[in-house]
C-alpha atoms as a PDB file:
ATOM      1  CA  UNK A   1      20.393   3.220  56.671  1.00  0.00           C
ATOM      2  CA  UNK A   2      19.306  -0.221  55.522  1.00  0.00           C
ATOM      3  CA  UNK A   3      18.936  -1.161  59.193  1.00  0.00           C
ATOM      4  CA  UNK A   4      15.877   1.100  59.404  1.00  0.00           C
ATOM      5  CA  UNK A   5      14.313  -0.424  56.302  1.00  0.00           C
ATOM      6  CA  UNK A   6      15.037  -3.960  57.453  1.00  0.00           C
ATOM      7  CA  UNK A   7      13.542  -3.267  60.883  1.00  0.00           C
ATOM      8  CA  UNK A   8      10.416  -1.675  59.423  1.00  0.00           C
ATOM      9  CA  UNK A   9       9.999  -4.595  57.012  1.00  0.00           C
ATOM     10  CA  UNK A  10      10.193  -7.017  59.956  1.00  0.00           C
ATOM     11  CA  UNK A  11       7.703  -4.889  61.916  1.00  0.00           C
ATOM     12  CA  UNK A  12       5.265  -4.871  59.008  1.00  0.00           C
ATOM     13  CA  UNK A  13       5.423  -8.666  58.953  1.00  0.00           C
ATOM     14  CA  UNK A  14       4.697  -8.694  62.687  1.00  0.00           C
ATOM     15  CA  UNK A  15       1.718  -6.402  62.155  1.00  0.00           C
ATOM     16  CA  UNK A  16       0.418  -8.699  59.418  1.00  0.00           C
ATOM     17  CA  UNK A  17       0.794 -11.690  61.750  1.00  0.00           C
ATOM     18  CA  UNK A  18      -0.901 -10.039  64.721  1.00  0.00           C
ATOM     19  CA  UNK A  19      -3.656  -8.576  62.561  1.00  0.00           C
ATOM     20  CA  UNK A  20      -4.888 -12.148  62.130  1.00  0.00           C
ATOM     21  CA  UNK A  21      -4.284 -13.175  65.745  1.00  0.00           C
ATOM     22  CA  UNK A  22      -5.694 -10.099  67.538  1.00  0.00           C
ATOM     23  CA  UNK A  23      -8.905  -8.809  66.013  1.00  0.00           C
ATOM     24  CA  UNK A  24     -10.018  -6.429  68.796  1.00  0.00           C
ATOM     25  CA  UNK A  25      -7.867  -3.298  68.766  1.00  0.00           C
ATOM     26  CA  UNK A  26      -7.736   0.130  70.394  1.00  0.00           C
ATOM     27  CA  UNK A  27      -6.418   1.580  67.117  1.00  0.00           C
ATOM     28  CA  UNK A  28      -7.158   0.274  63.654  1.00  0.00           C
ATOM     29  CA  UNK A  29      -4.347  -1.823  62.271  1.00  0.00           C
ATOM     30  CA  UNK A  30      -3.397   0.517  59.424  1.00  0.00           C
ATOM     31  CA  UNK A  31      -2.603   3.153  62.035  1.00  0.00           C
ATOM     32  CA  UNK A  32       0.147   0.871  63.325  1.00  0.00           C
ATOM     33  CA  UNK A  33       1.618   0.591  59.824  1.00  0.00           C
ATOM     34  CA  UNK A  34       1.567   4.339  59.258  1.00  0.00           C
ATOM     35  CA  UNK A  35       2.716   5.208  62.779  1.00  0.00           C
ATOM     36  CA  UNK A  36       5.888   3.067  62.706  1.00  0.00           C
ATOM     37  CA  UNK A  37       7.105   4.712  59.511  1.00  0.00           C
ATOM     38  CA  UNK A  38       6.080   8.237  60.390  1.00  0.00           C
ATOM     39  CA  UNK A  39       7.556   8.133  63.896  1.00  0.00           C
ATOM     40  CA  UNK A  40      10.772   6.665  62.510  1.00  0.00           C
ATOM     41  CA  UNK A  41      11.147   9.620  60.134  1.00  0.00           C
ATOM     42  CA  UNK A  42      10.423  12.158  62.846  1.00  0.00           C
ATOM     43  CA  UNK A  43      12.836  10.436  65.213  1.00  0.00           C
ATOM     44  CA  UNK A  44      15.622  10.380  62.654  1.00  0.00           C
ATOM     45  CA  UNK A  45      15.347  14.121  62.064  1.00  0.00           C
ATOM     46  CA  UNK A  46      15.125  14.975  65.767  1.00  0.00           C
ATOM     47  CA  UNK A  47      18.129  12.776  66.544  1.00  0.00           C
ATOM     48  CA  UNK A  48      20.272  14.510  63.947  1.00  0.00           C
ATOM     49  CA  UNK A  49      19.390  17.868  65.459  1.00  0.00           C
ATOM     50  CA  UNK A  50      19.945  16.668  69.047  1.00  0.00           C
ATOM     51  CA  UNK A  51      23.213  14.811  68.498  1.00  0.00           C
ATOM     52  CA  UNK A  52      21.793  11.309  69.043  1.00  0.00           C
ATOM     53  CA  UNK A  53      22.453   8.342  66.744  1.00  0.00           C
ATOM     54  CA  UNK A  54      19.718   8.871  64.129  1.00  0.00           C
ATOM     55  CA  UNK A  55      19.528   5.233  63.064  1.00  0.00           C
ATOM     56  CA  UNK A  56      19.108   4.031  66.646  1.00  0.00           C
ATOM     57  CA  UNK A  57      16.513   6.748  67.297  1.00  0.00           C
ATOM     58  CA  UNK A  58      14.611   5.933  64.125  1.00  0.00           C
ATOM     59  CA  UNK A  59      14.520   2.254  65.062  1.00  0.00           C
ATOM     60  CA  UNK A  60      13.387   3.009  68.621  1.00  0.00           C
ATOM     61  CA  UNK A  61      10.600   5.213  67.283  1.00  0.00           C
ATOM     62  CA  UNK A  62       9.515   2.528  64.836  1.00  0.00           C
ATOM     63  CA  UNK A  63       9.246  -0.182  67.490  1.00  0.00           C
ATOM     64  CA  UNK A  64       7.945   1.871  70.429  1.00  0.00           C
ATOM     65  CA  UNK A  65       4.323   0.621  70.148  1.00  0.00           C
ATOM     66  CA  UNK A  66       5.218  -3.049  69.851  1.00  0.00           C
ATOM     67  CA  UNK A  67       3.074  -3.804  72.894  1.00  0.00           C
ATOM     68  CA  UNK A  68       0.011  -2.422  71.153  1.00  0.00           C
ATOM     69  CA  UNK A  69       0.849  -4.293  67.961  1.00  0.00           C
ATOM     70  CA  UNK A  70       0.914  -7.651  69.750  1.00  0.00           C
ATOM     71  CA  UNK A  71      -1.989  -7.084  72.191  1.00  0.00           C
ATOM     72  CA  UNK A  72      -4.203  -4.653  70.308  1.00  0.00           C
ATOM     73  CA  UNK A  73      -4.626  -2.688  73.550  1.00  0.00           C
ATOM     74  CA  UNK A  74      -3.599   0.872  74.285  1.00  0.00           C
ATOM     75  CA  UNK A  75      -3.725   0.414  78.047  1.00  0.00           C
ATOM     76  CA  UNK A  76      -0.275  -0.353  79.512  1.00  0.00           C
ATOM     77  CA  UNK A  77       1.086  -1.133  76.037  1.00  0.00           C
ATOM     78  CA  UNK A  78       4.459   0.446  76.789  1.00  0.00           C
ATOM     79  CA  UNK A  79       5.182  -1.727  79.810  1.00  0.00           C
ATOM     80  CA  UNK A  80       3.638  -4.830  78.220  1.00  0.00           C
ATOM     81  CA  UNK A  81       5.726  -4.335  75.083  1.00  0.00           C
ATOM     82  CA  UNK A  82       9.068  -3.964  76.870  1.00  0.00           C
ATOM     83  CA  UNK A  83      10.253  -7.607  76.989  1.00  0.00           C
ATOM     84  CA  UNK A  84       8.537  -8.754  73.758  1.00  0.00           C
ATOM     85  CA  UNK A  85      10.027  -5.802  71.865  1.00  0.00           C
ATOM     86  CA  UNK A  86      13.518  -6.718  73.032  1.00  0.00           C
ATOM     87  CA  UNK A  87      12.972 -10.343  71.993  1.00  0.00           C
ATOM     88  CA  UNK A  88      11.735  -9.154  68.607  1.00  0.00           C
ATOM     89  CA  UNK A  89      14.818  -6.933  68.207  1.00  0.00           C
ATOM     90  CA  UNK A  90      17.141  -9.809  69.128  1.00  0.00           C
ATOM     91  CA  UNK A  91      15.394 -11.964  66.546  1.00  0.00           C
ATOM     92  CA  UNK A  92      16.101  -9.473  63.774  1.00  0.00           C
ATOM     93  CA  UNK A  93      19.861  -9.850  64.214  1.00  0.00           C
ATOM     94  CA  UNK A  94      20.238  -6.123  63.499  1.00  0.00           C
ATOM     95  CA  UNK A  95      21.287  -4.849  66.927  1.00  0.00           C
ATOM     96  CA  UNK A  96      23.946  -5.242  69.583  1.00  0.00           C
ATOM     97  CA  UNK A  97      22.666  -6.095  73.068  1.00  0.00           C
ATOM     98  CA  UNK A  98      23.445  -2.586  74.361  1.00  0.00           C
ATOM     99  CA  UNK A  99      21.301  -1.086  71.576  1.00  0.00           C
ATOM    100  CA  UNK A 100      18.484  -3.514  72.382  1.00  0.00           C
ATOM    101  CA  UNK A 101      18.597  -2.440  76.025  1.00  0.00           C
ATOM    102  CA  UNK A 102      18.478   1.256  75.088  1.00  0.00           C
ATOM    103  CA  UNK A 103      15.562   0.737  72.714  1.00  0.00           C
ATOM    104  CA  UNK A 104      13.806  -1.451  75.287  1.00  0.00           C
ATOM    105  CA  UNK A 105      13.950   1.282  77.927  1.00  0.00           C
ATOM    106  CA  UNK A 106      12.604   3.796  75.391  1.00  0.00           C
ATOM    107  CA  UNK A 107       9.723   1.411  74.579  1.00  0.00           C
ATOM    108  CA  UNK A 108       8.982   0.876  78.279  1.00  0.00           C
ATOM    109  CA  UNK A 109       9.025   4.572  79.165  1.00  0.00           C
ATOM    110  CA  UNK A 110       7.544   6.244  76.082  1.00  0.00           C
ATOM    111  CA  UNK A 111       4.091   6.653  77.646  1.00  0.00           C
ATOM    112  CA  UNK A 112       5.534   8.557  80.619  1.00  0.00           C
ATOM    113  CA  UNK A 113       5.323  11.874  78.779  1.00  0.00           C
ATOM    114  CA  UNK A 114       5.668  14.015  81.929  1.00  0.00           C
ATOM    115  CA  UNK A 115       8.953  12.356  82.949  1.00  0.00           C
ATOM    116  CA  UNK A 116      12.326  13.216  81.467  1.00  0.00           C
ATOM    117  CA  UNK A 117      14.414  10.247  80.378  1.00  0.00           C
ATOM    118  CA  UNK A 118      17.479   9.623  78.264  1.00  0.00           C
ATOM    119  CA  UNK A 119      17.899  11.589  75.032  1.00  0.00           C
ATOM    120  CA  UNK A 120      16.700   8.513  73.117  1.00  0.00           C
ATOM    121  CA  UNK A 121      13.589   8.195  75.312  1.00  0.00           C
ATOM    122  CA  UNK A 122      12.819  11.877  74.799  1.00  0.00           C
ATOM    123  CA  UNK A 123      13.021  11.535  71.025  1.00  0.00           C
ATOM    124  CA  UNK A 124      10.599   8.601  71.091  1.00  0.00           C
ATOM    125  CA  UNK A 125       8.150  10.514  73.303  1.00  0.00           C
ATOM    126  CA  UNK A 126       8.395  13.617  71.116  1.00  0.00           C
ATOM    127  CA  UNK A 127       8.000  11.722  67.845  1.00  0.00           C
ATOM    128  CA  UNK A 128       4.962   9.941  69.258  1.00  0.00           C
ATOM    129  CA  UNK A 129       3.097  13.133  70.193  1.00  0.00           C
ATOM    130  CA  UNK A 130       4.101  14.931  66.993  1.00  0.00           C
ATOM    131  CA  UNK A 131       2.841  12.033  64.912  1.00  0.00           C
ATOM    132  CA  UNK A 132      -0.501  11.930  66.709  1.00  0.00           C
ATOM    133  CA  UNK A 133      -0.788  15.681  66.229  1.00  0.00           C
ATOM    134  CA  UNK A 134       0.062  15.689  62.513  1.00  0.00           C
ATOM    135  CA  UNK A 135      -2.663  13.103  61.855  1.00  0.00           C
ATOM    136  CA  UNK A 136      -5.245  15.078  63.798  1.00  0.00           C
ATOM    137  CA  UNK A 137      -5.554  12.837  66.837  1.00  0.00           C
ATOM    138  CA  UNK A 138      -6.397  14.420  70.157  1.00  0.00           C
ATOM    139  CA  UNK A 139      -4.658  13.575  73.403  1.00  0.00           C
ATOM    140  CA  UNK A 140      -6.148  11.492  76.190  1.00  0.00           C
ATOM    141  CA  UNK A 141      -3.748  12.884  78.789  1.00  0.00           C
ATOM    142  CA  UNK A 142      -2.753  16.447  79.633  1.00  0.00           C
ATOM    143  CA  UNK A 143       0.945  15.492  79.754  1.00  0.00           C
ATOM    144  CA  UNK A 144       0.811  14.658  76.039  1.00  0.00           C
ATOM    145  CA  UNK A 145      -0.607  18.082  75.216  1.00  0.00           C
ATOM    146  CA  UNK A 146       1.959  19.819  77.436  1.00  0.00           C
ATOM    147  CA  UNK A 147       4.793  17.975  75.659  1.00  0.00           C
ATOM    148  CA  UNK A 148       3.429  18.924  72.241  1.00  0.00           C
ATOM    149  CA  UNK A 149       3.046  22.575  73.218  1.00  0.00           C
ATOM    150  CA  UNK A 150       6.645  22.631  74.457  1.00  0.00           C
ATOM    151  CA  UNK A 151       7.819  21.125  71.152  1.00  0.00           C
ATOM    152  CA  UNK A 152       5.825  23.539  69.031  1.00  0.00           C
ATOM    153  CA  UNK A 153       6.470  26.561  71.223  1.00  0.00           C
ATOM    154  CA  UNK A 154       2.781  27.429  71.244  1.00  0.00           C
ATOM    155  CA  UNK A 155      -0.541  26.427  72.760  1.00  0.00           C
ATOM    156  CA  UNK A 156      -2.614  23.905  70.848  1.00  0.00           C
END
């Protein structure tokens, strides 16, 4: 469990660092702070229900927007964040290489909401849309709305 806390603490330090370096942002910086924690909680709970390692899922959900944290840009943040997120994870010393690879793929593919990926990827995608929804954000793409409606079992 402390792995999640240690990862989030490291991510918060990264956000603090990049807040000073990247002043133009698609989302305000406090959103990044809230989103990493909230998605991690959602991911943990979904993983327990779906039979996936909840600590790994929580960590993948926390780090999934690393590309946006370091660039400030929403556009292509998943793909842009893939390699830097894996380097960040290696630097924490918290993960085995196989775990880093799994999280990296989830980071890279989390914006592809219409595609079905590994169970870990699906948890990250689901946590992301649920978190946007619970904070009242709308969706830019239809595939996000479709995923949310499937999760909730109703039209939104």
